[in-house]
Amino acid sequence: MDNITKEQYEFALNRIEELLPLVTDETPTNDKYAIELTLMSDIVEAYEKKYYPIGKPSVAELIEYSLEEKKMSQKQLATEIGISPSRINDYISGRAEPTLKIARLLCRALNITPAAMMQF
């Protein structure tokens, strides 16, 4: 995947946005949308490793930065997405990683692009 063009990269980013609502934690790994999501994510990852080699923030940092940017508390975020504040703290501290379902909710609540969240 060394010869990925910018156009292919941008297509993959857009396709990830379209596929995320179609793939849940319960979607079988052999589902056509799950397979396509994995392939699109691989394209994005390969392109970004080559052209954007700067270290990316972790999921924890993405959540923390987004909370600061929105001037939102962990408790407010937890209430908005329907989980406990301690679970948000687990994500920020790195003790836990969000499931695909929770990651999707975090993306919506915090205006994080799914592609940024999917990099982990």
PDB file of N, CA and C in Angstrom:
ATOM      1  N   MET A   1       0.818  -1.204   0.000  1.00  0.00           N
ATOM      2  CA  MET A   1       0.000   0.000   0.000  1.00  0.00           C
ATOM      3  C   MET A   1       0.854   1.257   0.000  1.00  0.00           C
ATOM      4  N   ASP A   2       1.978   1.206  -0.661  1.00  0.00           N
ATOM      5  CA  ASP A   2       2.876   2.358  -0.684  1.00  0.00           C
ATOM      6  C   ASP A   2       2.455   3.431  -1.665  1.00  0.00           C
ATOM      7  N   ASN A   3       1.687   3.101  -2.684  1.00  0.00           N
ATOM      8  CA  ASN A   3       1.372   4.051  -3.746  1.00  0.00           C
ATOM      9  C   ASN A   3      -0.051   4.591  -3.660  1.00  0.00           C
ATOM     10  N   ILE A   4      -0.515   4.854  -2.482  1.00  0.00           N
ATOM     11  CA  ILE A   4      -1.868   5.376  -2.300  1.00  0.00           C
ATOM     12  C   ILE A   4      -1.861   6.863  -2.650  1.00  0.00           C
ATOM     13  N   THR A   5      -2.782   7.258  -3.517  1.00  0.00           N
ATOM     14  CA  THR A   5      -2.867   8.665  -3.913  1.00  0.00           C
ATOM     15  C   THR A   5      -3.700   9.445  -2.895  1.00  0.00           C
ATOM     16  N   LYS A   6      -3.570  10.747  -2.977  1.00  0.00           N
ATOM     17  CA  LYS A   6      -4.371  11.606  -2.097  1.00  0.00           C
ATOM     18  C   LYS A   6      -5.861  11.395  -2.369  1.00  0.00           C
ATOM     19  N   GLU A   7      -6.220  11.207  -3.639  1.00  0.00           N
ATOM     20  CA  GLU A   7      -7.622  10.980  -4.001  1.00  0.00           C
ATOM     21  C   GLU A   7      -8.150   9.682  -3.386  1.00  0.00           C
ATOM     22  N   GLN A   8      -7.325   8.629  -3.430  1.00  0.00           N
ATOM     23  CA  GLN A   8      -7.726   7.360  -2.825  1.00  0.00           C
ATOM     24  C   GLN A   8      -7.873   7.513  -1.306  1.00  0.00           C
ATOM     25  N   TYR A   9      -6.953   8.235  -0.714  1.00  0.00           N
ATOM     26  CA  TYR A   9      -7.008   8.503   0.729  1.00  0.00           C
ATOM     27  C   TYR A   9      -8.290   9.236   1.093  1.00  0.00           C
ATOM     28  N   GLU A  10      -8.600  10.286   0.343  1.00  0.00           N
ATOM     29  CA  GLU A  10      -9.815  11.060   0.630  1.00  0.00           C
ATOM     30  C   GLU A  10     -11.073  10.229   0.400  1.00  0.00           C
ATOM     31  N   PHE A  11     -11.058   9.387  -0.628  1.00  0.00           N
ATOM     32  CA  PHE A  11     -12.185   8.487  -0.866  1.00  0.00           C
ATOM     33  C   PHE A  11     -12.364   7.560   0.338  1.00  0.00           C
ATOM     34  N   ALA A  12     -11.256   6.994   0.819  1.00  0.00           N
ATOM     35  CA  ALA A  12     -11.314   6.074   1.957  1.00  0.00           C
ATOM     36  C   ALA A  12     -11.862   6.775   3.202  1.00  0.00           C
ATOM     37  N   LEU A  13     -11.412   8.016   3.447  1.00  0.00           N
ATOM     38  CA  LEU A  13     -11.927   8.771   4.600  1.00  0.00           C
ATOM     39  C   LEU A  13     -13.442   8.945   4.502  1.00  0.00           C
ATOM     40  N   ASN A  14     -13.908   9.341   3.321  1.00  0.00           N
ATOM     41  CA  ASN A  14     -15.349   9.543   3.129  1.00  0.00           C
ATOM     42  C   ASN A  14     -16.113   8.230   3.254  1.00  0.00           C
ATOM     43  N   ARG A  15     -15.544   7.165   2.731  1.00  0.00           N
ATOM     44  CA  ARG A  15     -16.224   5.864   2.788  1.00  0.00           C
ATOM     45  C   ARG A  15     -16.315   5.374   4.235  1.00  0.00           C
ATOM     46  N   ILE A  16     -15.294   5.630   5.033  1.00  0.00           N
ATOM     47  CA  ILE A  16     -15.344   5.256   6.458  1.00  0.00           C
ATOM     48  C   ILE A  16     -16.530   5.934   7.121  1.00  0.00           C
ATOM     49  N   GLU A  17     -16.723   7.221   6.831  1.00  0.00           N
ATOM     50  CA  GLU A  17     -17.857   7.967   7.400  1.00  0.00           C
ATOM     51  C   GLU A  17     -19.183   7.307   7.023  1.00  0.00           C
ATOM     52  N   GLU A  18     -19.283   6.811   5.786  1.00  0.00           N
ATOM     53  CA  GLU A  18     -20.514   6.159   5.317  1.00  0.00           C
ATOM     54  C   GLU A  18     -20.702   4.781   5.935  1.00  0.00           C
ATOM     55  N   LEU A  19     -19.599   4.070   6.166  1.00  0.00           N
ATOM     56  CA  LEU A  19     -19.681   2.697   6.656  1.00  0.00           C
ATOM     57  C   LEU A  19     -19.908   2.602   8.162  1.00  0.00           C
ATOM     58  N   LEU A  20     -19.424   3.567   8.916  1.00  0.00           N
ATOM     59  CA  LEU A  20     -19.525   3.466  10.382  1.00  0.00           C
ATOM     60  C   LEU A  20     -20.946   3.239  10.886  1.00  0.00           C
ATOM     61  N   PRO A  21     -21.965   3.909  10.332  1.00  0.00           N
ATOM     62  CA  PRO A  21     -23.319   3.634  10.823  1.00  0.00           C
ATOM     63  C   PRO A  21     -23.809   2.213  10.479  1.00  0.00           C
ATOM     64  N   LEU A  22     -23.161   1.566   9.526  1.00  0.00           N
ATOM     65  CA  LEU A  22     -23.601   0.245   9.074  1.00  0.00           C
ATOM     66  C   LEU A  22     -22.923  -0.900   9.821  1.00  0.00           C
ATOM     67  N   VAL A  23     -21.870  -0.599  10.567  1.00  0.00           N
ATOM     68  CA  VAL A  23     -21.099  -1.624  11.270  1.00  0.00           C
ATOM     69  C   VAL A  23     -21.200  -1.367  12.774  1.00  0.00           C
ATOM     70  N   THR A  24     -21.655  -2.372  13.513  1.00  0.00           N
ATOM     71  CA  THR A  24     -21.771  -2.259  14.967  1.00  0.00           C
ATOM     72  C   THR A  24     -20.881  -3.317  15.621  1.00  0.00           C
ATOM     73  N   ASP A  25     -20.855  -3.334  16.939  1.00  0.00           N
ATOM     74  CA  ASP A  25     -20.092  -4.352  17.668  1.00  0.00           C
ATOM     75  C   ASP A  25     -20.613  -5.752  17.356  1.00  0.00           C
ATOM     76  N   GLU A  26     -21.884  -5.849  16.964  1.00  0.00           N
ATOM     77  CA  GLU A  26     -22.501  -7.146  16.698  1.00  0.00           C
ATOM     78  C   GLU A  26     -22.321  -7.600  15.248  1.00  0.00           C
ATOM     79  N   THR A  27     -21.802  -6.737  14.384  1.00  0.00           N
ATOM     80  CA  THR A  27     -21.620  -7.084  12.979  1.00  0.00           C
ATOM     81  C   THR A  27     -20.548  -8.167  12.867  1.00  0.00           C
ATOM     82  N   PRO A  28     -20.857  -9.258  12.167  1.00  0.00           N
ATOM     83  CA  PRO A  28     -19.843 -10.316  11.988  1.00  0.00           C
ATOM     84  C   PRO A  28     -18.633  -9.783  11.217  1.00  0.00           C
ATOM     85  N   THR A  29     -17.462 -10.288  11.523  1.00  0.00           N
ATOM     86  CA  THR A  29     -16.242  -9.816  10.863  1.00  0.00           C
ATOM     87  C   THR A  29     -16.218 -10.165   9.378  1.00  0.00           C
ATOM     88  N   ASN A  30     -17.037 -11.128   8.965  1.00  0.00           N
ATOM     89  CA  ASN A  30     -17.066 -11.489   7.542  1.00  0.00           C
ATOM     90  C   ASN A  30     -18.171 -10.746   6.783  1.00  0.00           C
ATOM     91  N   ASP A  31     -18.857  -9.821   7.437  1.00  0.00           N
ATOM     92  CA  ASP A  31     -19.863  -8.984   6.782  1.00  0.00           C
ATOM     93  C   ASP A  31     -19.168  -8.079   5.768  1.00  0.00           C
ATOM     94  N   LYS A  32     -19.799  -7.867   4.601  1.00  0.00           N
ATOM     95  CA  LYS A  32     -19.150  -7.076   3.544  1.00  0.00           C
ATOM     96  C   LYS A  32     -18.818  -5.659   3.990  1.00  0.00           C
ATOM     97  N   TYR A  33     -19.675  -5.052   4.826  1.00  0.00           N
ATOM     98  CA  TYR A  33     -19.395  -3.698   5.288  1.00  0.00           C
ATOM     99  C   TYR A  33     -18.247  -3.684   6.299  1.00  0.00           C
ATOM    100  N   ALA A  34     -18.189  -4.693   7.159  1.00  0.00           N
ATOM    101  CA  ALA A  34     -17.098  -4.786   8.136  1.00  0.00           C
ATOM    102  C   ALA A  34     -15.768  -4.981   7.419  1.00  0.00           C
ATOM    103  N   ILE A  35     -15.776  -5.809   6.388  1.00  0.00           N
ATOM    104  CA  ILE A  35     -14.552  -6.034   5.613  1.00  0.00           C
ATOM    105  C   ILE A  35     -14.127  -4.745   4.912  1.00  0.00           C
ATOM    106  N   GLU A  36     -15.093  -4.072   4.293  1.00  0.00           N
ATOM    107  CA  GLU A  36     -14.778  -2.829   3.586  1.00  0.00           C
ATOM    108  C   GLU A  36     -14.271  -1.762   4.554  1.00  0.00           C
ATOM    109  N   LEU A  37     -14.870  -1.681   5.743  1.00  0.00           N
ATOM    110  CA  LEU A  37     -14.430  -0.713   6.744  1.00  0.00           C
ATOM    111  C   LEU A  37     -12.974  -0.980   7.134  1.00  0.00           C
ATOM    112  N   THR A  38     -12.625  -2.241   7.306  1.00  0.00           N
ATOM    113  CA  THR A  38     -11.248  -2.605   7.644  1.00  0.00           C
ATOM    114  C   THR A  38     -10.295  -2.197   6.516  1.00  0.00           C
ATOM    115  N   LEU A  39     -10.685  -2.478   5.279  1.00  0.00           N
ATOM    116  CA  LEU A  39      -9.839  -2.120   4.137  1.00  0.00           C
ATOM    117  C   LEU A  39      -9.667  -0.606   4.011  1.00  0.00           C
ATOM    118  N   MET A  40     -10.743   0.128   4.169  1.00  0.00           N
ATOM    119  CA  MET A  40     -10.661   1.589   4.077  1.00  0.00           C
ATOM    120  C   MET A  40      -9.783   2.139   5.206  1.00  0.00           C
ATOM    121  N   SER A  41      -9.926   1.568   6.395  1.00  0.00           N
ATOM    122  CA  SER A  41      -9.105   1.997   7.531  1.00  0.00           C
ATOM    123  C   SER A  41      -7.629   1.720   7.274  1.00  0.00           C
ATOM    124  N   ASP A  42      -7.337   0.572   6.640  1.00  0.00           N
ATOM    125  CA  ASP A  42      -5.955   0.228   6.307  1.00  0.00           C
ATOM    126  C   ASP A  42      -5.363   1.235   5.312  1.00  0.00           C
ATOM    127  N   ILE A  43      -6.168   1.648   4.333  1.00  0.00           N
ATOM    128  CA  ILE A  43      -5.713   2.631   3.345  1.00  0.00           C
ATOM    129  C   ILE A  43      -5.391   3.956   4.035  1.00  0.00           C
ATOM    130  N   VAL A  44      -6.306   4.403   4.894  1.00  0.00           N
ATOM    131  CA  VAL A  44      -6.096   5.663   5.616  1.00  0.00           C
ATOM    132  C   VAL A  44      -4.839   5.572   6.484  1.00  0.00           C
ATOM    133  N   GLU A  45      -4.700   4.467   7.193  1.00  0.00           N
ATOM    134  CA  GLU A  45      -3.547   4.300   8.069  1.00  0.00           C
ATOM    135  C   GLU A  45      -2.241   4.305   7.275  1.00  0.00           C
ATOM    136  N   ALA A  46      -2.192   3.586   6.163  1.00  0.00           N
ATOM    137  CA  ALA A  46      -0.966   3.523   5.358  1.00  0.00           C
ATOM    138  C   ALA A  46      -0.597   4.902   4.812  1.00  0.00           C
ATOM    139  N   TYR A  47      -1.589   5.617   4.313  1.00  0.00           N
ATOM    140  CA  TYR A  47      -1.338   6.955   3.756  1.00  0.00           C
ATOM    141  C   TYR A  47      -0.847   7.899   4.845  1.00  0.00           C
ATOM    142  N   GLU A  48      -1.507   7.874   5.999  1.00  0.00           N
ATOM    143  CA  GLU A  48      -1.137   8.788   7.076  1.00  0.00           C
ATOM    144  C   GLU A  48       0.237   8.466   7.654  1.00  0.00           C
ATOM    145  N   LYS A  49       0.597   7.194   7.699  1.00  0.00           N
ATOM    146  CA  LYS A  49       1.937   6.840   8.177  1.00  0.00           C
ATOM    147  C   LYS A  49       3.005   7.407   7.255  1.00  0.00           C
ATOM    148  N   LYS A  50       2.709   7.426   5.967  1.00  0.00           N
ATOM    149  CA  LYS A  50       3.675   7.929   4.989  1.00  0.00           C
ATOM    150  C   LYS A  50       3.714   9.448   4.947  1.00  0.00           C
ATOM    151  N   TYR A  51       2.546  10.090   4.922  1.00  0.00           N
ATOM    152  CA  TYR A  51       2.496  11.534   4.699  1.00  0.00           C
ATOM    153  C   TYR A  51       2.288  12.364   5.959  1.00  0.00           C
ATOM    154  N   TYR A  52       1.843  11.758   7.018  1.00  0.00           N
ATOM    155  CA  TYR A  52       1.631  12.464   8.287  1.00  0.00           C
ATOM    156  C   TYR A  52       2.285  11.680   9.421  1.00  0.00           C
ATOM    157  N   PRO A  53       3.605  11.552   9.390  1.00  0.00           N
ATOM    158  CA  PRO A  53       4.270  10.684  10.370  1.00  0.00           C
ATOM    159  C   PRO A  53       4.313  11.221  11.791  1.00  0.00           C
ATOM    160  N   ILE A  54       3.793  12.407  12.004  1.00  0.00           N
ATOM    161  CA  ILE A  54       3.783  12.974  13.354  1.00  0.00           C
ATOM    162  C   ILE A  54       2.928  12.084  14.244  1.00  0.00           C
ATOM    163  N   GLY A  55       3.388  11.877  15.445  1.00  0.00           N
ATOM    164  CA  GLY A  55       2.643  11.055  16.387  1.00  0.00           C
ATOM    165  C   GLY A  55       1.227  11.574  16.589  1.00  0.00           C
ATOM    166  N   LYS A  56       0.291  10.669  16.560  1.00  0.00           N
ATOM    167  CA  LYS A  56      -1.116  11.048  16.712  1.00  0.00           C
ATOM    168  C   LYS A  56      -1.526  10.905  18.171  1.00  0.00           C
ATOM    169  N   PRO A  57      -2.516  11.687  18.566  1.00  0.00           N
ATOM    170  CA  PRO A  57      -2.979  11.553  19.949  1.00  0.00           C
ATOM    171  C   PRO A  57      -3.667  10.213  20.155  1.00  0.00           C
ATOM    172  N   SER A  58      -3.606   9.730  21.357  1.00  0.00           N
ATOM    173  CA  SER A  58      -4.296   8.492  21.711  1.00  0.00           C
ATOM    174  C   SER A  58      -5.792   8.777  21.818  1.00  0.00           C
ATOM    175  N   VAL A  59      -6.580   7.719  21.947  1.00  0.00           N
ATOM    176  CA  VAL A  59      -8.021   7.887  22.163  1.00  0.00           C
ATOM    177  C   VAL A  59      -8.239   8.742  23.408  1.00  0.00           C
ATOM    178  N   ALA A  60      -7.466   8.457  24.439  1.00  0.00           N
ATOM    179  CA  ALA A  60      -7.585   9.217  25.691  1.00  0.00           C
ATOM    180  C   ALA A  60      -7.346  10.705  25.440  1.00  0.00           C
ATOM    181  N   GLU A  61      -6.294  11.021  24.683  1.00  0.00           N
ATOM    182  CA  GLU A  61      -5.979  12.424  24.403  1.00  0.00           C
ATOM    183  C   GLU A  61      -7.044  13.072  23.514  1.00  0.00           C
ATOM    184  N   LEU A  62      -7.555  12.314  22.542  1.00  0.00           N
ATOM    185  CA  LEU A  62      -8.628  12.847  21.692  1.00  0.00           C
ATOM    186  C   LEU A  62      -9.832  13.249  22.534  1.00  0.00           C
ATOM    187  N   ILE A  63     -10.214  12.384  23.456  1.00  0.00           N
ATOM    188  CA  ILE A  63     -11.368  12.666  24.310  1.00  0.00           C
ATOM    189  C   ILE A  63     -11.074  13.872  25.196  1.00  0.00           C
ATOM    190  N   GLU A  64      -9.908  13.853  25.815  1.00  0.00           N
ATOM    191  CA  GLU A  64      -9.544  14.939  26.734  1.00  0.00           C
ATOM    192  C   GLU A  64      -9.482  16.286  26.009  1.00  0.00           C
ATOM    193  N   TYR A  65      -8.823  16.331  24.849  1.00  0.00           N
ATOM    194  CA  TYR A  65      -8.730  17.572  24.081  1.00  0.00           C
ATOM    195  C   TYR A  65     -10.111  18.067  23.659  1.00  0.00           C
ATOM    196  N   SER A  66     -10.931  17.140  23.230  1.00  0.00           N
ATOM    197  CA  SER A  66     -12.272  17.511  22.762  1.00  0.00           C
ATOM    198  C   SER A  66     -13.131  18.047  23.900  1.00  0.00           C
ATOM    199  N   LEU A  67     -13.001  17.442  25.073  1.00  0.00           N
ATOM    200  CA  LEU A  67     -13.743  17.950  26.235  1.00  0.00           C
ATOM    201  C   LEU A  67     -13.317  19.384  26.541  1.00  0.00           C
ATOM    202  N   GLU A  68     -12.004  19.628  26.511  1.00  0.00           N
ATOM    203  CA  GLU A  68     -11.505  20.977  26.778  1.00  0.00           C
ATOM    204  C   GLU A  68     -12.015  21.961  25.732  1.00  0.00           C
ATOM    205  N   GLU A  69     -11.951  21.553  24.477  1.00  0.00           N
ATOM    206  CA  GLU A  69     -12.376  22.425  23.386  1.00  0.00           C
ATOM    207  C   GLU A  69     -13.859  22.790  23.500  1.00  0.00           C
ATOM    208  N   LYS A  70     -14.677  21.826  23.903  1.00  0.00           N
ATOM    209  CA  LYS A  70     -16.114  22.063  24.022  1.00  0.00           C
ATOM    210  C   LYS A  70     -16.497  22.625  25.389  1.00  0.00           C
ATOM    211  N   LYS A  71     -15.494  22.746  26.280  1.00  0.00           N
ATOM    212  CA  LYS A  71     -15.747  23.198  27.652  1.00  0.00           C
ATOM    213  C   LYS A  71     -16.828  22.332  28.310  1.00  0.00           C
ATOM    214  N   MET A  72     -16.646  21.034  28.167  1.00  0.00           N
ATOM    215  CA  MET A  72     -17.598  20.047  28.676  1.00  0.00           C
ATOM    216  C   MET A  72     -16.911  19.208  29.752  1.00  0.00           C
ATOM    217  N   SER A  73     -17.643  18.856  30.784  1.00  0.00           N
ATOM    218  CA  SER A  73     -17.081  18.012  31.836  1.00  0.00           C
ATOM    219  C   SER A  73     -17.246  16.539  31.465  1.00  0.00           C
ATOM    220  N   GLN A  74     -16.474  15.712  32.142  1.00  0.00           N
ATOM    221  CA  GLN A  74     -16.612  14.262  31.937  1.00  0.00           C
ATOM    222  C   GLN A  74     -18.029  13.820  32.291  1.00  0.00           C
ATOM    223  N   LYS A  75     -18.576  14.421  33.331  1.00  0.00           N
ATOM    224  CA  LYS A  75     -19.937  14.071  33.754  1.00  0.00           C
ATOM    225  C   LYS A  75     -20.965  14.449  32.683  1.00  0.00           C
ATOM    226  N   GLN A  76     -20.807  15.640  32.090  1.00  0.00           N
ATOM    227  CA  GLN A  76     -21.729  16.059  31.025  1.00  0.00           C
ATOM    228  C   GLN A  76     -21.649  15.111  29.829  1.00  0.00           C
ATOM    229  N   LEU A  77     -20.434  14.727  29.456  1.00  0.00           N
ATOM    230  CA  LEU A  77     -20.256  13.805  28.343  1.00  0.00           C
ATOM    231  C   LEU A  77     -20.892  12.455  28.662  1.00  0.00           C
ATOM    232  N   ALA A  78     -20.659  11.973  29.857  1.00  0.00           N
ATOM    233  CA  ALA A  78     -21.219  10.684  30.267  1.00  0.00           C
ATOM    234  C   ALA A  78     -22.742  10.707  30.181  1.00  0.00           C
ATOM    235  N   THR A  79     -23.343  11.781  30.668  1.00  0.00           N
ATOM    236  CA  THR A  79     -24.801  11.924  30.617  1.00  0.00           C
ATOM    237  C   THR A  79     -25.291  11.959  29.174  1.00  0.00           C
ATOM    238  N   GLU A  80     -24.580  12.686  28.331  1.00  0.00           N
ATOM    239  CA  GLU A  80     -24.991  12.835  26.933  1.00  0.00           C
ATOM    240  C   GLU A  80     -24.972  11.501  26.175  1.00  0.00           C
ATOM    241  N   ILE A  81     -23.989  10.656  26.470  1.00  0.00           N
ATOM    242  CA  ILE A  81     -23.912   9.398  25.716  1.00  0.00           C
ATOM    243  C   ILE A  81     -24.445   8.203  26.500  1.00  0.00           C
ATOM    244  N   GLY A  82     -24.883   8.430  27.728  1.00  0.00           N
ATOM    245  CA  GLY A  82     -25.563   7.375  28.482  1.00  0.00           C
ATOM    246  C   GLY A  82     -24.661   6.350  29.144  1.00  0.00           C
ATOM    247  N   ILE A  83     -23.491   6.790  29.607  1.00  0.00           N
ATOM    248  CA  ILE A  83     -22.621   5.883  30.363  1.00  0.00           C
ATOM    249  C   ILE A  83     -22.202   6.587  31.656  1.00  0.00           C
ATOM    250  N   SER A  84     -21.513   5.851  32.530  1.00  0.00           N
ATOM    251  CA  SER A  84     -21.129   6.446  33.815  1.00  0.00           C
ATOM    252  C   SER A  84     -19.908   7.359  33.657  1.00  0.00           C
ATOM    253  N   PRO A  85     -19.836   8.395  34.497  1.00  0.00           N
ATOM    254  CA  PRO A  85     -18.661   9.273  34.470  1.00  0.00           C
ATOM    255  C   PRO A  85     -17.362   8.504  34.731  1.00  0.00           C
ATOM    256  N   SER A  86     -17.423   7.469  35.553  1.00  0.00           N
ATOM    257  CA  SER A  86     -16.204   6.699  35.833  1.00  0.00           C
ATOM    258  C   SER A  86     -15.710   5.985  34.578  1.00  0.00           C
ATOM    259  N   ARG A  87     -16.628   5.614  33.697  1.00  0.00           N
ATOM    260  CA  ARG A  87     -16.233   4.960  32.440  1.00  0.00           C
ATOM    261  C   ARG A  87     -15.505   5.964  31.540  1.00  0.00           C
ATOM    262  N   ILE A  88     -15.983   7.205  31.500  1.00  0.00           N
ATOM    263  CA  ILE A  88     -15.295   8.248  30.732  1.00  0.00           C
ATOM    264  C   ILE A  88     -13.884   8.419  31.291  1.00  0.00           C
ATOM    265  N   ASN A  89     -13.777   8.429  32.611  1.00  0.00           N
ATOM    266  CA  ASN A  89     -12.475   8.564  33.246  1.00  0.00           C
ATOM    267  C   ASN A  89     -11.567   7.389  32.877  1.00  0.00           C
ATOM    268  N   ASP A  90     -12.128   6.183  32.776  1.00  0.00           N
ATOM    269  CA  ASP A  90     -11.339   5.012  32.364  1.00  0.00           C
ATOM    270  C   ASP A  90     -10.762   5.215  30.965  1.00  0.00           C
ATOM    271  N   TYR A  91     -11.550   5.801  30.058  1.00  0.00           N
ATOM    272  CA  TYR A  91     -11.072   6.054  28.694  1.00  0.00           C
ATOM    273  C   TYR A  91      -9.969   7.108  28.689  1.00  0.00           C
ATOM    274  N   ILE A  92     -10.151   8.170  29.462  1.00  0.00           N
ATOM    275  CA  ILE A  92      -9.175   9.259  29.493  1.00  0.00           C
ATOM    276  C   ILE A  92      -7.869   8.818  30.162  1.00  0.00           C
ATOM    277  N   SER A  93      -7.970   7.978  31.162  1.00  0.00           N
ATOM    278  CA  SER A  93      -6.768   7.515  31.865  1.00  0.00           C
ATOM    279  C   SER A  93      -6.058   6.394  31.113  1.00  0.00           C
ATOM    280  N   GLY A  94      -6.730   5.843  30.091  1.00  0.00           N
ATOM    281  CA  GLY A  94      -6.131   4.740  29.340  1.00  0.00           C
ATOM    282  C   GLY A  94      -6.375   3.372  29.945  1.00  0.00           C
ATOM    283  N   ARG A  95      -7.189   3.297  31.001  1.00  0.00           N
ATOM    284  CA  ARG A  95      -7.487   2.003  31.632  1.00  0.00           C
ATOM    285  C   ARG A  95      -8.416   1.146  30.782  1.00  0.00           C
ATOM    286  N   ALA A  96      -9.137   1.787  29.858  1.00  0.00           N
ATOM    287  CA  ALA A  96     -10.077   1.055  29.004  1.00  0.00           C
ATOM    288  C   ALA A  96     -10.157   1.740  27.647  1.00  0.00           C
ATOM    289  N   GLU A  97     -10.522   0.961  26.632  1.00  0.00           N
ATOM    290  CA  GLU A  97     -10.755   1.485  25.290  1.00  0.00           C
ATOM    291  C   GLU A  97     -12.256   1.394  25.021  1.00  0.00           C
ATOM    292  N   PRO A  98     -12.829   2.399  24.379  1.00  0.00           N
ATOM    293  CA  PRO A  98     -14.269   2.346  24.091  1.00  0.00           C
ATOM    294  C   PRO A  98     -14.588   1.277  23.044  1.00  0.00           C
ATOM    295  N   THR A  99     -15.767   0.675  23.166  1.00  0.00           N
ATOM    296  CA  THR A  99     -16.255  -0.250  22.149  1.00  0.00           C
ATOM    297  C   THR A  99     -16.586   0.561  20.904  1.00  0.00           C
ATOM    298  N   LEU A 100     -16.841  -0.118  19.810  1.00  0.00           N
ATOM    299  CA  LEU A 100     -17.193   0.579  18.573  1.00  0.00           C
ATOM    300  C   LEU A 100     -18.444   1.427  18.778  1.00  0.00           C
ATOM    301  N   LYS A 101     -19.419   0.891  19.492  1.00  0.00           N
ATOM    302  CA  LYS A 101     -20.659   1.626  19.750  1.00  0.00           C
ATOM    303  C   LYS A 101     -20.382   2.904  20.546  1.00  0.00           C
ATOM    304  N   ILE A 102     -19.599   2.784  21.601  1.00  0.00           N
ATOM    305  CA  ILE A 102     -19.275   3.947  22.438  1.00  0.00           C
ATOM    306  C   ILE A 102     -18.388   4.919  21.657  1.00  0.00           C
ATOM    307  N   ALA A 103     -17.455   4.405  20.871  1.00  0.00           N
ATOM    308  CA  ALA A 103     -16.602   5.273  20.059  1.00  0.00           C
ATOM    309  C   ALA A 103     -17.455   6.113  19.113  1.00  0.00           C
ATOM    310  N   ARG A 104     -18.466   5.503  18.523  1.00  0.00           N
ATOM    311  CA  ARG A 104     -19.367   6.222  17.617  1.00  0.00           C
ATOM    312  C   ARG A 104     -20.084   7.343  18.374  1.00  0.00           C
ATOM    313  N   LEU A 105     -20.554   7.045  19.582  1.00  0.00           N
ATOM    314  CA  LEU A 105     -21.244   8.056  20.396  1.00  0.00           C
ATOM    315  C   LEU A 105     -20.290   9.184  20.793  1.00  0.00           C
ATOM    316  N   LEU A 106     -19.051   8.817  21.133  1.00  0.00           N
ATOM    317  CA  LEU A 106     -18.053   9.819  21.484  1.00  0.00           C
ATOM    318  C   LEU A 106     -17.767  10.733  20.293  1.00  0.00           C
ATOM    319  N   CYS A 107     -17.652  10.140  19.114  1.00  0.00           N
ATOM    320  CA  CYS A 107     -17.401  10.936  17.902  1.00  0.00           C
ATOM    321  C   CYS A 107     -18.507  11.959  17.692  1.00  0.00           C
ATOM    322  N   ARG A 108     -19.735  11.511  17.846  1.00  0.00           N
ATOM    323  CA  ARG A 108     -20.871  12.429  17.640  1.00  0.00           C
ATOM    324  C   ARG A 108     -20.907  13.527  18.699  1.00  0.00           C
ATOM    325  N   ALA A 109     -20.743  13.128  19.942  1.00  0.00           N
ATOM    326  CA  ALA A 109     -20.858  14.095  21.044  1.00  0.00           C
ATOM    327  C   ALA A 109     -19.719  15.105  21.049  1.00  0.00           C
ATOM    328  N   LEU A 110     -18.527  14.662  20.635  1.00  0.00           N
ATOM    329  CA  LEU A 110     -17.351  15.521  20.733  1.00  0.00           C
ATOM    330  C   LEU A 110     -16.878  16.067  19.383  1.00  0.00           C
ATOM    331  N   ASN A 111     -17.615  15.768  18.322  1.00  0.00           N
ATOM    332  CA  ASN A 111     -17.228  16.202  16.975  1.00  0.00           C
ATOM    333  C   ASN A 111     -15.829  15.722  16.598  1.00  0.00           C
ATOM    334  N   ILE A 112     -15.549  14.467  16.921  1.00  0.00           N
ATOM    335  CA  ILE A 112     -14.297  13.820  16.525  1.00  0.00           C
ATOM    336  C   ILE A 112     -14.611  13.047  15.251  1.00  0.00           C
ATOM    337  N   THR A 113     -13.747  13.135  14.267  1.00  0.00           N
ATOM    338  CA  THR A 113     -14.018  12.376  13.046  1.00  0.00           C
ATOM    339  C   THR A 113     -13.847  10.888  13.341  1.00  0.00           C
ATOM    340  N   PRO A 114     -14.721  10.066  12.774  1.00  0.00           N
ATOM    341  CA  PRO A 114     -14.575   8.625  12.959  1.00  0.00           C
ATOM    342  C   PRO A 114     -13.214   8.107  12.510  1.00  0.00           C
ATOM    343  N   ALA A 115     -12.662   8.687  11.466  1.00  0.00           N
ATOM    344  CA  ALA A 115     -11.339   8.241  11.002  1.00  0.00           C
ATOM    345  C   ALA A 115     -10.273   8.450  12.091  1.00  0.00           C
ATOM    346  N   ALA A 116     -10.360   9.557  12.818  1.00  0.00           N
ATOM    347  CA  ALA A 116      -9.399   9.811  13.896  1.00  0.00           C
ATOM    348  C   ALA A 116      -9.568   8.773  14.998  1.00  0.00           C
ATOM    349  N   MET A 117     -10.786   8.445  15.327  1.00  0.00           N
ATOM    350  CA  MET A 117     -11.058   7.471  16.382  1.00  0.00           C
ATOM    351  C   MET A 117     -10.677   6.059  15.931  1.00  0.00           C
ATOM    352  N   MET A 118     -10.838   5.786  14.642  1.00  0.00           N
ATOM    353  CA  MET A 118     -10.591   4.437  14.125  1.00  0.00           C
ATOM    354  C   MET A 118      -9.110   4.093  14.000  1.00  0.00           C
ATOM    355  N   GLN A 119      -8.238   5.047  14.185  1.00  0.00           N
ATOM    356  CA  GLN A 119      -6.827   4.793  13.982  1.00  0.00           C
ATOM    357  C   GLN A 119      -6.222   3.904  15.056  1.00  0.00           C
ATOM    358  N   PHE A 120      -6.975   3.561  16.083  1.00  0.00           N
ATOM    359  CA  PHE A 120      -6.396   2.815  17.189  1.00  0.00           C
ATOM    360  C   PHE A 120      -6.808   1.380  17.180  1.00  0.00           C
TER     361      PHE A 120
END
